[in-house]
Protein backbone atom coordinates (compact mmCIF):
# COMPACT_ATOMS: atom_id res chain seq x y z
CA MET A 1 0.43 -40.57 -3.47
CA ASN A 2 -0.26 -40.24 -7.19
CA ILE A 3 -1.28 -36.82 -8.48
CA ILE A 4 -3.27 -35.88 -11.58
CA LEU A 5 -3.55 -32.23 -12.60
CA VAL A 6 -6.28 -31.57 -15.17
CA LEU A 7 -6.25 -28.17 -16.90
CA ILE A 8 -9.25 -27.49 -19.12
CA ASP A 9 -8.60 -24.19 -20.87
CA SER A 10 -11.00 -21.22 -20.79
CA VAL A 11 -13.65 -22.70 -18.49
CA ASN A 12 -16.09 -20.15 -17.11
CA ARG A 13 -16.93 -20.83 -13.49
CA GLY A 14 -20.51 -19.67 -14.08
CA ALA A 15 -20.94 -22.17 -16.89
CA LEU A 16 -20.60 -25.14 -14.52
CA SER A 17 -23.61 -26.39 -12.64
CA ALA A 18 -21.23 -27.27 -9.81
CA TYR A 19 -20.97 -23.49 -9.37
CA GLY A 20 -24.64 -22.78 -9.91
CA GLY A 21 -24.75 -22.62 -13.71
CA ALA A 22 -27.87 -23.93 -15.39
CA GLU A 23 -27.25 -23.13 -19.05
CA PHE A 24 -24.97 -25.98 -20.15
CA ALA A 25 -24.67 -29.66 -19.26
CA THR A 26 -21.46 -30.78 -17.55
CA PRO A 27 -22.47 -34.05 -15.84
CA ASN A 28 -18.97 -35.44 -15.43
CA ILE A 29 -17.47 -32.32 -13.92
CA ASP A 30 -20.55 -32.22 -11.69
CA ALA A 31 -19.95 -35.82 -10.61
CA PHE A 32 -16.33 -35.06 -9.80
CA ALA A 33 -17.38 -31.94 -7.88
CA LYS A 34 -19.69 -34.03 -5.70
CA ARG A 35 -16.70 -36.17 -4.74
CA ALA A 36 -14.22 -33.31 -4.37
CA LEU A 37 -13.88 -30.02 -2.51
CA ARG A 38 -15.10 -26.95 -4.42
CA PHE A 39 -13.08 -23.76 -4.06
CA ASP A 40 -15.35 -20.75 -4.37
CA ASN A 41 -12.77 -17.95 -4.21
CA HIS A 42 -10.09 -19.26 -6.53
CA PHE A 43 -8.59 -16.63 -8.84
CA VAL A 44 -6.29 -16.32 -11.79
CA GLY A 45 -2.80 -14.97 -11.23
CA SER A 46 -0.65 -13.95 -14.20
CA LEU A 47 -2.55 -13.92 -17.48
CA PRO A 48 -3.09 -15.27 -20.07
CA CYS A 49 -2.10 -18.86 -21.10
CA MET A 50 1.68 -19.13 -20.73
CA PRO A 51 2.05 -16.65 -17.85
CA ALA A 52 -0.51 -18.77 -15.99
CA ARG A 53 1.49 -21.89 -16.71
CA ARG A 54 4.69 -20.28 -15.53
CA GLU A 55 2.98 -19.83 -12.17
CA ILE A 56 2.02 -23.51 -12.13
CA PHE A 57 5.42 -24.82 -13.25
CA ALA A 58 7.67 -22.39 -11.38
CA GLY A 59 5.56 -21.05 -8.52
CA PHE A 60 6.59 -17.57 -9.65
CA SER A 61 4.29 -14.55 -10.00
CA GLY A 62 5.71 -13.20 -13.23
CA MET A 63 3.26 -10.48 -14.27
CA GLN A 64 5.30 -7.79 -12.47
CA TRP A 65 8.43 -8.44 -14.50
CA ARG A 66 7.80 -9.93 -17.92
CA PRO A 67 5.22 -10.75 -20.62
CA TRP A 68 4.38 -14.11 -22.18
CA GLY A 69 7.51 -16.13 -22.87
CA PRO A 70 9.63 -19.20 -22.08
CA LEU A 71 10.54 -20.41 -18.64
CA GLU A 72 13.59 -18.54 -17.41
CA PRO A 73 16.80 -20.51 -16.77
CA PHE A 74 16.43 -19.66 -13.08
CA ASP A 75 12.80 -20.80 -12.89
CA LEU A 76 11.92 -23.86 -10.86
CA ARG A 77 10.37 -26.78 -12.74
CA LEU A 78 7.59 -28.57 -10.87
CA PRO A 79 7.95 -31.89 -12.76
CA ARG A 80 11.69 -32.00 -12.06
CA LEU A 81 11.17 -31.39 -8.36
CA LEU A 82 8.71 -34.29 -8.35
CA GLU A 83 11.07 -36.50 -10.34
CA ALA A 84 13.81 -35.84 -7.77
CA ALA A 85 11.35 -37.02 -5.11
CA GLY A 86 10.87 -40.34 -6.89
CA TYR A 87 7.89 -39.59 -9.13
CA THR A 88 7.23 -40.69 -12.68
CA THR A 89 6.10 -37.56 -14.53
CA ALA A 90 4.24 -37.12 -17.80
CA ILE A 91 2.05 -34.68 -19.69
CA VAL A 92 -0.68 -35.34 -22.26
CA THR A 93 -1.79 -32.20 -24.07
CA ASP A 94 -2.98 -30.51 -27.23
CA HIS A 95 -1.93 -27.09 -25.87
CA TYR A 96 0.14 -26.18 -28.91
CA HIS A 97 1.78 -23.13 -27.33
CA TYR A 98 4.11 -25.56 -25.57
CA TRP A 99 5.90 -26.35 -28.83
CA GLU A 100 6.19 -22.75 -29.98
CA GLU A 101 9.48 -20.89 -29.65
CA SER A 102 7.89 -18.39 -27.27
CA ALA A 103 7.07 -21.13 -24.75
CA ASN A 104 10.22 -23.20 -24.47
CA GLY A 105 11.21 -24.96 -21.28
CA TYR A 106 7.86 -26.20 -20.00
CA ILE A 107 7.28 -29.65 -21.46
CA GLN A 108 10.99 -30.43 -21.44
CA SER A 109 10.86 -30.89 -17.67
CA PHE A 110 8.65 -33.99 -17.90
CA GLN A 111 9.97 -37.54 -18.23
CA GLY A 112 7.32 -38.28 -20.83
CA ALA A 113 5.07 -36.24 -23.10
CA GLU A 114 2.32 -37.04 -25.57
CA PHE A 115 1.21 -34.31 -27.97
CA VAL A 116 -2.07 -34.06 -29.80
CA ARG A 117 -1.41 -31.84 -32.79
CA GLY A 118 -3.47 -29.37 -34.77
CA HIS A 119 -5.36 -27.03 -32.46
CA GLU A 120 -5.89 -23.34 -33.24
CA LEU A 121 -2.71 -21.98 -34.91
CA ASP A 122 -0.57 -25.10 -34.53
CA PHE A 123 1.94 -25.25 -37.41
CA TRP A 124 0.91 -28.76 -38.40
CA GLU A 125 -0.74 -29.54 -41.74
CA PRO A 126 -0.02 -27.71 -45.02
CA LEU A 127 -2.26 -24.72 -45.68
CA VAL A 128 -5.05 -25.55 -48.12
CA PRO A 129 -5.66 -23.24 -51.11
CA GLU A 130 -7.82 -20.27 -50.15
CA GLU A 131 -10.42 -21.15 -52.76
CA GLU A 132 -11.11 -24.39 -50.87
CA LEU A 133 -12.13 -22.63 -47.64
CA PRO A 134 -15.79 -23.29 -46.77
CA GLY A 135 -18.21 -20.54 -45.77
CA TRP A 136 -17.92 -20.98 -42.02
CA VAL A 137 -14.17 -20.56 -42.26
CA ARG A 138 -14.59 -17.37 -44.29
CA ASN A 139 -16.97 -16.09 -41.60
CA ILE A 140 -14.09 -16.35 -39.12
CA GLU A 141 -11.51 -14.94 -41.54
CA LYS A 142 -13.51 -11.72 -41.69
CA TRP A 143 -12.63 -11.02 -38.07
CA ARG A 144 -9.43 -13.04 -37.65
CA PRO A 145 -7.49 -12.99 -40.93
CA GLY A 146 -5.30 -16.04 -41.28
CA TYR A 147 -6.53 -17.72 -38.12
CA ALA A 148 -9.32 -19.84 -39.55
CA HIS A 149 -7.26 -20.73 -42.63
CA ARG A 150 -4.60 -22.24 -40.35
CA TYR A 151 -7.13 -24.00 -38.12
CA TYR A 152 -9.19 -25.40 -40.97
CA SER A 153 -6.08 -26.74 -42.69
CA ASN A 154 -5.40 -28.77 -39.55
CA VAL A 155 -8.90 -30.16 -38.99
CA ARG A 156 -10.46 -30.48 -42.44
CA GLY A 157 -10.13 -34.27 -42.29
CA PHE A 158 -12.05 -34.64 -39.03
CA LYS A 159 -15.10 -36.88 -39.45
CA ASP A 160 -16.69 -37.25 -36.01
CA GLU A 161 -16.13 -36.29 -32.39
CA THR A 162 -13.41 -38.91 -31.88
CA ASP A 163 -11.23 -36.84 -34.19
CA PHE A 164 -11.66 -33.71 -32.08
CA PHE A 165 -9.17 -32.64 -29.47
CA PRO A 166 -10.90 -33.41 -26.15
CA ALA A 167 -11.50 -36.99 -27.29
CA LYS A 168 -7.86 -37.46 -28.24
CA VAL A 169 -6.44 -35.82 -25.12
CA MET A 170 -8.63 -37.55 -22.55
CA THR A 171 -8.36 -40.92 -24.30
CA ALA A 172 -4.58 -40.62 -24.44
CA ALA A 173 -4.49 -39.71 -20.75
CA ALA A 174 -6.68 -42.68 -19.88
CA ASP A 175 -4.42 -44.93 -21.95
CA TRP A 176 -1.35 -43.57 -20.16
CA LEU A 177 -2.86 -44.55 -16.81
CA LYS A 178 -3.28 -48.11 -18.09
CA LYS A 179 0.31 -48.49 -19.27
CA PRO A 180 2.81 -50.51 -17.20
CA ARG A 181 5.20 -48.29 -15.25
CA THR A 182 7.92 -48.62 -12.68
CA PRO A 183 6.43 -49.06 -9.18
CA ARG A 184 6.67 -45.40 -8.23
CA PRO A 185 4.03 -42.74 -7.64
CA PHE A 186 3.17 -40.69 -10.71
CA PHE A 187 2.36 -37.09 -11.59
CA LEU A 188 0.26 -36.82 -14.73
CA GLN A 189 -0.65 -33.41 -16.18
CA VAL A 190 -3.61 -33.55 -18.54
CA GLU A 191 -4.29 -30.41 -20.57
CA SER A 192 -7.18 -29.86 -22.92
CA PHE A 193 -6.82 -26.68 -24.98
CA ASP A 194 -10.59 -26.81 -25.39
CA VAL A 195 -12.85 -25.11 -24.29
CA HIS A 196 -10.62 -22.53 -26.05
CA GLU A 197 -11.86 -20.94 -29.26
CA PRO A 198 -12.58 -21.50 -32.10
CA PHE A 199 -15.91 -22.85 -30.87
CA ASP A 200 -16.00 -25.51 -33.56
CA VAL A 201 -17.84 -28.69 -32.55
CA PRO A 202 -19.46 -31.59 -34.41
CA GLU A 203 -22.95 -32.91 -33.95
CA PRO A 204 -24.69 -33.80 -31.75
CA TYR A 205 -23.09 -31.04 -29.68
CA ALA A 206 -23.44 -28.21 -32.21
CA SER A 207 -27.25 -28.30 -31.94
CA LEU A 208 -27.52 -28.73 -28.18
CA TYR A 209 -28.02 -25.08 -27.28
CA GLY A 210 -28.95 -23.37 -30.51
CA ASP A 211 -29.36 -23.64 -34.26
CA ALA A 212 -26.15 -25.14 -35.62
CA SER A 213 -26.86 -23.74 -39.08
CA GLY A 214 -25.79 -20.37 -37.67
CA ARG A 215 -22.23 -21.27 -38.61
CA ASP A 216 -23.22 -20.58 -42.23
CA ARG A 217 -23.91 -16.94 -41.29
CA PHE A 218 -21.99 -16.19 -38.08
CA THR A 219 -18.49 -16.48 -36.70
CA LEU A 220 -17.26 -19.19 -34.36
CA TRP A 221 -14.30 -17.08 -33.28
CA PRO A 222 -14.99 -13.45 -32.30
CA PRO A 223 -11.99 -11.12 -32.13
CA TYR A 224 -10.63 -9.72 -28.91
CA GLN A 225 -6.87 -9.08 -29.17
CA ASP A 226 -7.58 -6.22 -31.58
CA ALA A 227 -9.78 -3.69 -29.79
CA ALA A 228 -10.82 -1.86 -32.95
CA ARG A 229 -11.83 -5.07 -34.68
CA GLN A 230 -13.74 -6.20 -31.59
CA ALA A 231 -15.62 -2.89 -31.54
CA ASP A 232 -16.50 -3.35 -35.21
CA PHE A 233 -17.73 -6.86 -34.49
CA PHE A 234 -20.09 -5.68 -31.75
CA ALA A 235 -21.31 -2.86 -33.95
CA GLN A 236 -22.30 -5.38 -36.63
CA ALA A 237 -23.26 -8.49 -34.64
CA SER A 238 -26.95 -9.14 -34.08
CA PRO A 239 -28.30 -10.55 -30.79
CA GLU A 240 -28.81 -13.78 -32.74
CA GLU A 241 -25.10 -13.97 -33.59
CA LEU A 242 -24.05 -13.27 -30.01
CA ALA A 243 -26.39 -16.02 -28.82
CA PHE A 244 -24.98 -18.39 -31.44
CA VAL A 245 -21.40 -17.84 -30.27
CA ARG A 246 -22.46 -18.51 -26.69
CA SER A 247 -24.30 -21.68 -27.70
CA GLN A 248 -21.22 -23.06 -29.43
CA TYR A 249 -19.02 -22.28 -26.43
CA GLY A 250 -21.48 -24.28 -24.33
CA ALA A 251 -21.47 -27.07 -26.91
CA LYS A 252 -17.70 -27.32 -26.73
CA LEU A 253 -17.82 -27.31 -22.92
CA THR A 254 -20.29 -30.20 -22.95
CA MET A 255 -18.19 -32.13 -25.47
CA THR A 256 -15.06 -31.64 -23.36
CA ASP A 257 -16.96 -32.71 -20.26
CA HIS A 258 -18.08 -35.89 -22.01
CA TRP A 259 -14.52 -36.95 -22.74
CA PHE A 260 -13.34 -35.89 -19.29
CA GLY A 261 -15.79 -38.53 -18.12
CA LYS A 262 -13.68 -41.18 -19.89
CA LEU A 263 -10.75 -40.22 -17.68
CA LEU A 264 -12.94 -40.56 -14.60
CA GLU A 265 -14.13 -43.98 -15.79
CA THR A 266 -10.52 -45.09 -16.04
CA MET A 267 -9.94 -43.88 -12.49
CA ASP A 268 -12.85 -46.12 -11.46
CA ASP A 269 -11.64 -49.11 -13.46
CA LEU A 270 -8.12 -48.94 -12.05
CA ASP A 271 -9.29 -48.19 -8.49
CA LEU A 272 -7.11 -45.09 -8.36
CA TRP A 273 -9.25 -42.93 -6.12
CA LYS A 274 -7.84 -44.42 -2.93
CA ASP A 275 -4.24 -43.31 -3.61
CA THR A 276 -4.51 -40.53 -6.20
CA ALA A 277 -5.15 -36.83 -5.70
CA VAL A 278 -6.90 -35.06 -8.60
CA ILE A 279 -6.91 -31.31 -9.22
CA VAL A 280 -9.27 -29.94 -11.88
CA THR A 281 -9.04 -26.29 -12.84
CA THR A 282 -8.48 -23.84 -15.70
CA ASP A 283 -6.03 -21.07 -16.56
CA HIS A 284 -8.74 -18.40 -17.00
CA GLY A 285 -12.32 -18.01 -18.10
CA HIS A 286 -13.48 -16.48 -21.36
CA ASP A 287 -15.93 -13.59 -21.53
CA LEU A 288 -18.74 -14.23 -24.01
CA GLY A 289 -19.95 -10.74 -24.79
CA GLU A 290 -20.33 -9.49 -21.23
CA ARG A 291 -19.74 -5.72 -21.11
CA GLY A 292 -19.21 -5.71 -24.85
CA GLY A 293 -16.15 -7.89 -24.82
CA TYR A 294 -14.77 -11.35 -25.53
CA GLY A 295 -11.74 -13.13 -24.14
CA LYS A 296 -9.73 -12.55 -20.99
CA GLN A 297 -8.35 -9.07 -21.38
CA PHE A 298 -7.90 -6.44 -18.69
CA PRO A 299 -10.03 -5.24 -16.88
CA HIS A 300 -10.19 -8.68 -15.24
CA PHE A 301 -13.75 -8.96 -13.98
CA ASP A 302 -14.81 -12.03 -12.01
CA SER A 303 -16.54 -13.35 -15.13
CA HIS A 304 -13.15 -14.65 -16.28
CA ALA A 305 -10.91 -14.06 -13.23
CA ASN A 306 -12.81 -16.02 -10.54
CA ILE A 307 -12.17 -19.52 -11.88
CA PRO A 308 -13.15 -23.06 -10.90
CA LEU A 309 -10.93 -25.26 -8.73
CA LEU A 310 -12.04 -28.74 -7.68
CA VAL A 311 -9.76 -30.94 -5.59
CA TRP A 312 -10.02 -34.60 -4.65
CA HIS A 313 -7.62 -35.82 -1.95
CA PRO A 314 -7.99 -39.38 -0.60
CA GLU A 315 -7.29 -38.25 2.95
CA PHE A 316 -9.74 -35.34 2.83
CA PRO A 317 -12.81 -36.39 0.83
CA GLY A 318 -14.82 -33.27 0.19
CA ASN A 319 -18.17 -34.75 -0.78
CA GLY A 320 -19.05 -31.51 -2.56
CA ALA A 321 -18.27 -29.17 0.34
CA SER A 322 -16.98 -25.69 -0.42
CA VAL A 323 -13.82 -23.84 0.55
CA LYS A 324 -14.31 -20.09 0.98
CA SER A 325 -10.67 -19.09 1.51
CA LEU A 326 -8.77 -17.21 -1.18
CA THR A 327 -6.52 -19.19 -3.50
CA SER A 328 -4.83 -18.47 -6.81
CA THR A 329 -3.33 -20.25 -9.81
CA ILE A 330 0.14 -19.81 -8.35
CA ASP A 331 -0.85 -21.98 -5.38
CA ILE A 332 -1.08 -25.13 -7.48
CA PHE A 333 2.74 -25.36 -7.45
CA ALA A 334 3.13 -25.54 -3.66
CA SER A 335 0.00 -27.67 -3.26
CA VAL A 336 1.22 -30.38 -5.62
CA LEU A 337 4.59 -30.39 -3.86
CA GLU A 338 2.94 -30.77 -0.45
CA MET A 339 0.77 -33.61 -1.75
CA ALA A 340 4.00 -35.30 -2.86
CA GLY A 341 5.75 -34.65 0.43
CA VAL A 342 8.23 -32.19 -1.10
CA VAL A 343 9.27 -29.04 0.75
CA ARG A 344 8.43 -25.87 -1.16
CA PRO A 345 11.58 -24.01 -2.28
CA GLU A 346 12.05 -20.67 -0.53
CA GLN A 347 12.16 -18.61 -3.72
CA SER A 348 8.63 -19.63 -4.66
CA HIS A 349 5.70 -17.20 -4.36
CA SER A 350 3.29 -20.13 -4.10
CA GLN A 351 1.29 -21.06 -1.01
CA SER A 352 -0.17 -24.53 -0.53
CA PHE A 353 -3.92 -24.91 -0.25
CA VAL A 354 -3.61 -28.45 1.19
CA PRO A 355 -4.23 -27.25 4.79
CA LEU A 356 -7.54 -25.84 3.57
CA LEU A 357 -8.60 -29.35 2.60
CA ALA A 358 -8.51 -30.28 6.27
CA GLY A 359 -10.28 -27.09 7.31
CA ASP A 360 -7.18 -25.32 8.59
CA VAL A 361 -7.52 -21.68 7.53
CA SER A 362 -4.81 -20.32 9.84
CA SER A 363 -2.42 -19.69 6.96
CA ALA A 364 -4.99 -18.77 4.31
CA ARG A 365 -4.27 -15.90 1.97
CA GLU A 366 -5.75 -12.55 2.95
CA THR A 367 -5.14 -11.02 -0.48
CA VAL A 368 -4.79 -12.19 -4.06
CA ILE A 369 -3.41 -10.05 -6.89
CA TYR A 370 -3.79 -10.85 -10.57
CA GLY A 371 -3.27 -9.22 -13.92
CA THR A 372 -1.49 -9.05 -17.26
CA PHE A 373 2.00 -7.65 -17.67
CA GLY A 374 1.99 -4.03 -18.84
CA GLN A 375 -1.73 -3.61 -18.29
CA GLY A 376 -3.51 -3.00 -15.00
CA LEU A 377 -3.54 -4.96 -11.78
CA CYS A 378 -6.40 -6.40 -9.72
CA CYS A 379 -6.60 -7.18 -6.03
CA THR A 380 -9.24 -8.90 -3.95
CA ASP A 381 -9.66 -9.77 -0.30
CA GLY A 382 -12.65 -11.93 -1.14
CA GLU A 383 -15.26 -9.29 -0.36
CA TRP A 384 -13.83 -6.27 -2.18
CA THR A 385 -12.10 -6.13 -5.56
CA LEU A 386 -9.92 -3.29 -6.83
CA ILE A 387 -9.15 -3.05 -10.56
CA GLN A 388 -6.36 -0.51 -11.01
CA PRO A 389 -5.47 0.65 -14.55
CA PRO A 390 -1.95 1.80 -15.45
CA ASP A 391 -0.72 5.35 -15.86
CA ARG A 392 0.60 5.13 -19.40
CA THR A 393 2.83 8.17 -18.93
CA LYS A 394 4.99 6.15 -16.54
CA PRO A 395 7.83 3.88 -17.73
CA LEU A 396 7.49 0.15 -18.25
CA HIS A 397 10.31 -2.41 -18.44
CA ALA A 398 10.57 -6.14 -18.81
CA TYR A 399 13.16 -8.02 -16.76
CA SER A 400 14.54 -11.26 -18.15
CA THR A 401 17.72 -13.28 -18.50
CA MET A 402 16.95 -13.42 -22.22
CA ILE A 403 15.06 -11.34 -24.75
CA PRO A 404 11.71 -13.18 -25.00
CA THR A 405 10.39 -13.51 -28.54
CA THR A 406 7.25 -11.70 -27.43
CA ILE A 407 9.25 -8.49 -27.01
CA GLU A 408 9.63 -6.38 -30.13
CA PRO A 409 13.06 -6.54 -31.81
CA GLN A 410 13.51 -2.77 -31.59
CA ASP A 411 13.37 -2.92 -27.81
CA ARG A 412 16.95 -2.77 -26.54
CA ALA A 413 18.12 -3.46 -23.01
CA VAL A 414 19.12 -0.41 -20.98
CA GLY A 415 20.53 -2.26 -18.01
CA HIS A 416 21.91 -5.56 -16.77
CA GLY A 417 21.90 -6.61 -13.16
CA ASN A 418 20.00 -8.26 -10.33
CA PHE A 419 16.52 -6.77 -10.46
CA ILE A 420 14.37 -9.71 -9.26
CA PRO A 421 14.66 -10.53 -5.54
CA GLY A 422 16.00 -14.01 -4.82
CA VAL A 423 17.42 -14.49 -8.33
CA SER A 424 21.23 -14.56 -8.49
CA MET A 425 21.41 -14.82 -12.28
CA PRO A 426 21.58 -11.26 -13.76
CA GLN A 427 18.67 -10.04 -15.88
CA TRP A 428 18.31 -7.59 -18.74
CA LYS A 429 16.19 -4.49 -18.20
CA ILE A 430 14.27 -3.93 -21.43
CA PRO A 431 12.17 -0.82 -22.19
CA ILE A 432 8.63 -1.54 -23.31
CA SER A 433 6.22 0.94 -24.87
CA PRO A 434 4.44 2.74 -22.00
CA ASP A 435 1.19 1.64 -23.62
CA GLY A 436 2.20 -1.89 -22.77
CA PRO A 437 1.10 -4.98 -24.65
CA GLY A 438 -2.54 -5.69 -25.26
CA ASP A 439 -5.52 -3.81 -26.57
CA ARG A 440 -6.22 -0.10 -26.14
CA ARG A 441 -9.74 -0.65 -24.80
CA ALA A 442 -8.28 -2.40 -21.78
CA LEU A 443 -5.70 0.28 -21.12
CA ASP A 444 -8.27 3.06 -21.18
CA SER A 445 -10.19 1.55 -18.26
CA GLU A 446 -11.08 3.71 -15.27
CA PRO A 447 -10.29 2.59 -11.70
CA LEU A 448 -12.94 0.16 -10.49
CA LEU A 449 -13.96 -0.90 -6.99
CA TYR A 450 -16.61 -3.53 -6.29
CA ASN A 451 -18.19 -5.16 -3.28
CA ARG A 452 -18.36 -8.80 -4.41
CA ARG A 453 -20.71 -9.83 -1.62
CA LEU A 454 -23.37 -7.20 -2.37
CA ASP A 455 -22.64 -6.91 -6.10
CA PRO A 456 -21.47 -10.34 -7.35
CA HIS A 457 -21.80 -9.36 -11.02
CA GLN A 458 -19.67 -6.25 -10.48
CA VAL A 459 -22.13 -3.73 -11.86
CA THR A 460 -21.75 -0.77 -9.49
CA ASN A 461 -18.36 0.95 -9.36
CA LEU A 462 -17.79 2.27 -5.81
CA TRP A 463 -14.47 3.95 -6.51
CA THR A 464 -15.84 7.41 -5.68
CA ALA A 465 -18.39 6.41 -3.05
CA GLU A 466 -16.11 4.25 -0.89
CA GLU A 467 -12.92 6.23 -0.37
CA GLY A 468 -11.98 4.26 2.74
CA GLN A 469 -12.29 0.91 1.03
CA ARG A 470 -10.47 2.27 -2.00
CA ALA A 471 -7.49 3.31 0.13
CA ARG A 472 -7.52 0.03 2.03
CA MET A 473 -7.53 -2.07 -1.14
CA GLN A 474 -4.76 0.03 -2.68
CA SER A 475 -2.74 -0.55 0.47
CA LEU A 476 -3.33 -4.31 0.24
CA MET A 477 -2.29 -4.30 -3.41
CA ALA A 478 0.90 -2.38 -2.60
CA GLU A 479 1.71 -4.71 0.30
CA GLN A 480 1.37 -7.79 -1.88
CA LEU A 481 3.50 -6.27 -4.64
CA ALA A 482 6.14 -5.37 -2.07
CA ALA A 483 6.08 -8.92 -0.69
CA TYR A 484 6.86 -10.20 -4.18
CA GLY A 485 9.59 -7.58 -4.62
CA ALA A 486 7.96 -5.91 -7.63
CA PRO A 487 9.87 -3.16 -9.47
CA ALA A 488 9.55 0.33 -7.97
CA GLU A 489 8.32 1.69 -11.30
CA LEU A 490 5.27 -0.58 -11.11
CA PHE A 491 4.06 1.19 -7.96
CA GLN A 492 4.29 4.50 -9.81
CA ARG A 493 2.60 3.10 -12.88
CA LEU A 494 -0.31 1.90 -10.75
CA GLY A 495 -0.55 5.08 -8.69
CA LEU A 496 0.52 3.29 -5.52
CA GLY A 497 3.52 5.44 -4.62
CA ASP A 498 5.92 8.13 -5.69
């Protein structure tokens, strides 16, 4: 069986009409959803971009041990496991993090790769002189110094939507499907960095959901990594500006959906549906001003943590039916392997969702945990969600066979040994600031407990009112961490043990 994995970055589940959204048009994703099975309780795992991809490539829940960084030498490589099983493997992507030093080891495991250059901070075109930056770029620079200058230098020659990234990625993927290949099954990974910010889109999309002239006055790229700058932005932004940012996110989603439709048309033309499984998902959502925040920072509310997953399998046509069982990003690894008839390696944390396609829930997950290294941790059983912040007085270490470039140079290893269960290659134990990486607003969060069934928008914190559920969810979180073999210090940091 052929397998296509489509990752569309930063897609909000609530923005898709397949999940009940009514604000933005996504007709092609909707059409695919009517053919596929819709997973309603699919969650992120390790966040953000590259930690999520490590889960997909290696089937390893890495948020307990290490921040953003390369694949470890001991990590499994999904494309290589498929190649060993007789698959032709390839990736088509504009996700520029793959060719940064801090994300080595991912794309190298494919037999073939096609890169679309220039998105976000891709080190591609020469920087233009600052005096040539147009007004809309300067609007971004106010909140993200250097970001828009880099981006604009890459895209200043774009003339129409065919120059933009979703068009190039989806067209290149469609072209790859048409190319002659050896008579073997294939695994094609298609990654669109859009709908990621900046929310820069051409007409006719820019005017679909608001006044496109707002770019002359407002930003297309609100800050979120810097908590102080984000607070300043919200203090200054008018309701009109917040609405404008949302409208341009929706515009980019609709543009990406349009070009995703070209990939579906190629599936039709080549009659691939009968022998090709297709997985469509995202790495995380992107908050658009909810609770006074942008991005995908901790605390991980459902607005960006409960993400879309749509699966077409020729043997289990979904016809738009829903799957209620819990799944997570990490489960893509084992699921792709099962679709390919490959046995999941024992050291993987991944669990296949393929049985769920046939309605077999006997091995479904009872708990999913998710979070960002050094920040807090979240746990859900589907009905209840616990969001547990860290105790910043407790120690924090990263564990790695190398010193990832995302760790500060002044951080020196204090130990060397076998810290990660199931890994025979020794790792360094590296002290990290107890504050951890990320923004201070996130780290100052209080413990949160929500009943998702009664309170789907997670408005009412029941931490104090539901002591029994609080204790039960903390126990589930601790059990899952223990099953993964998480460091003992993490239990202390999260208030889950002595």
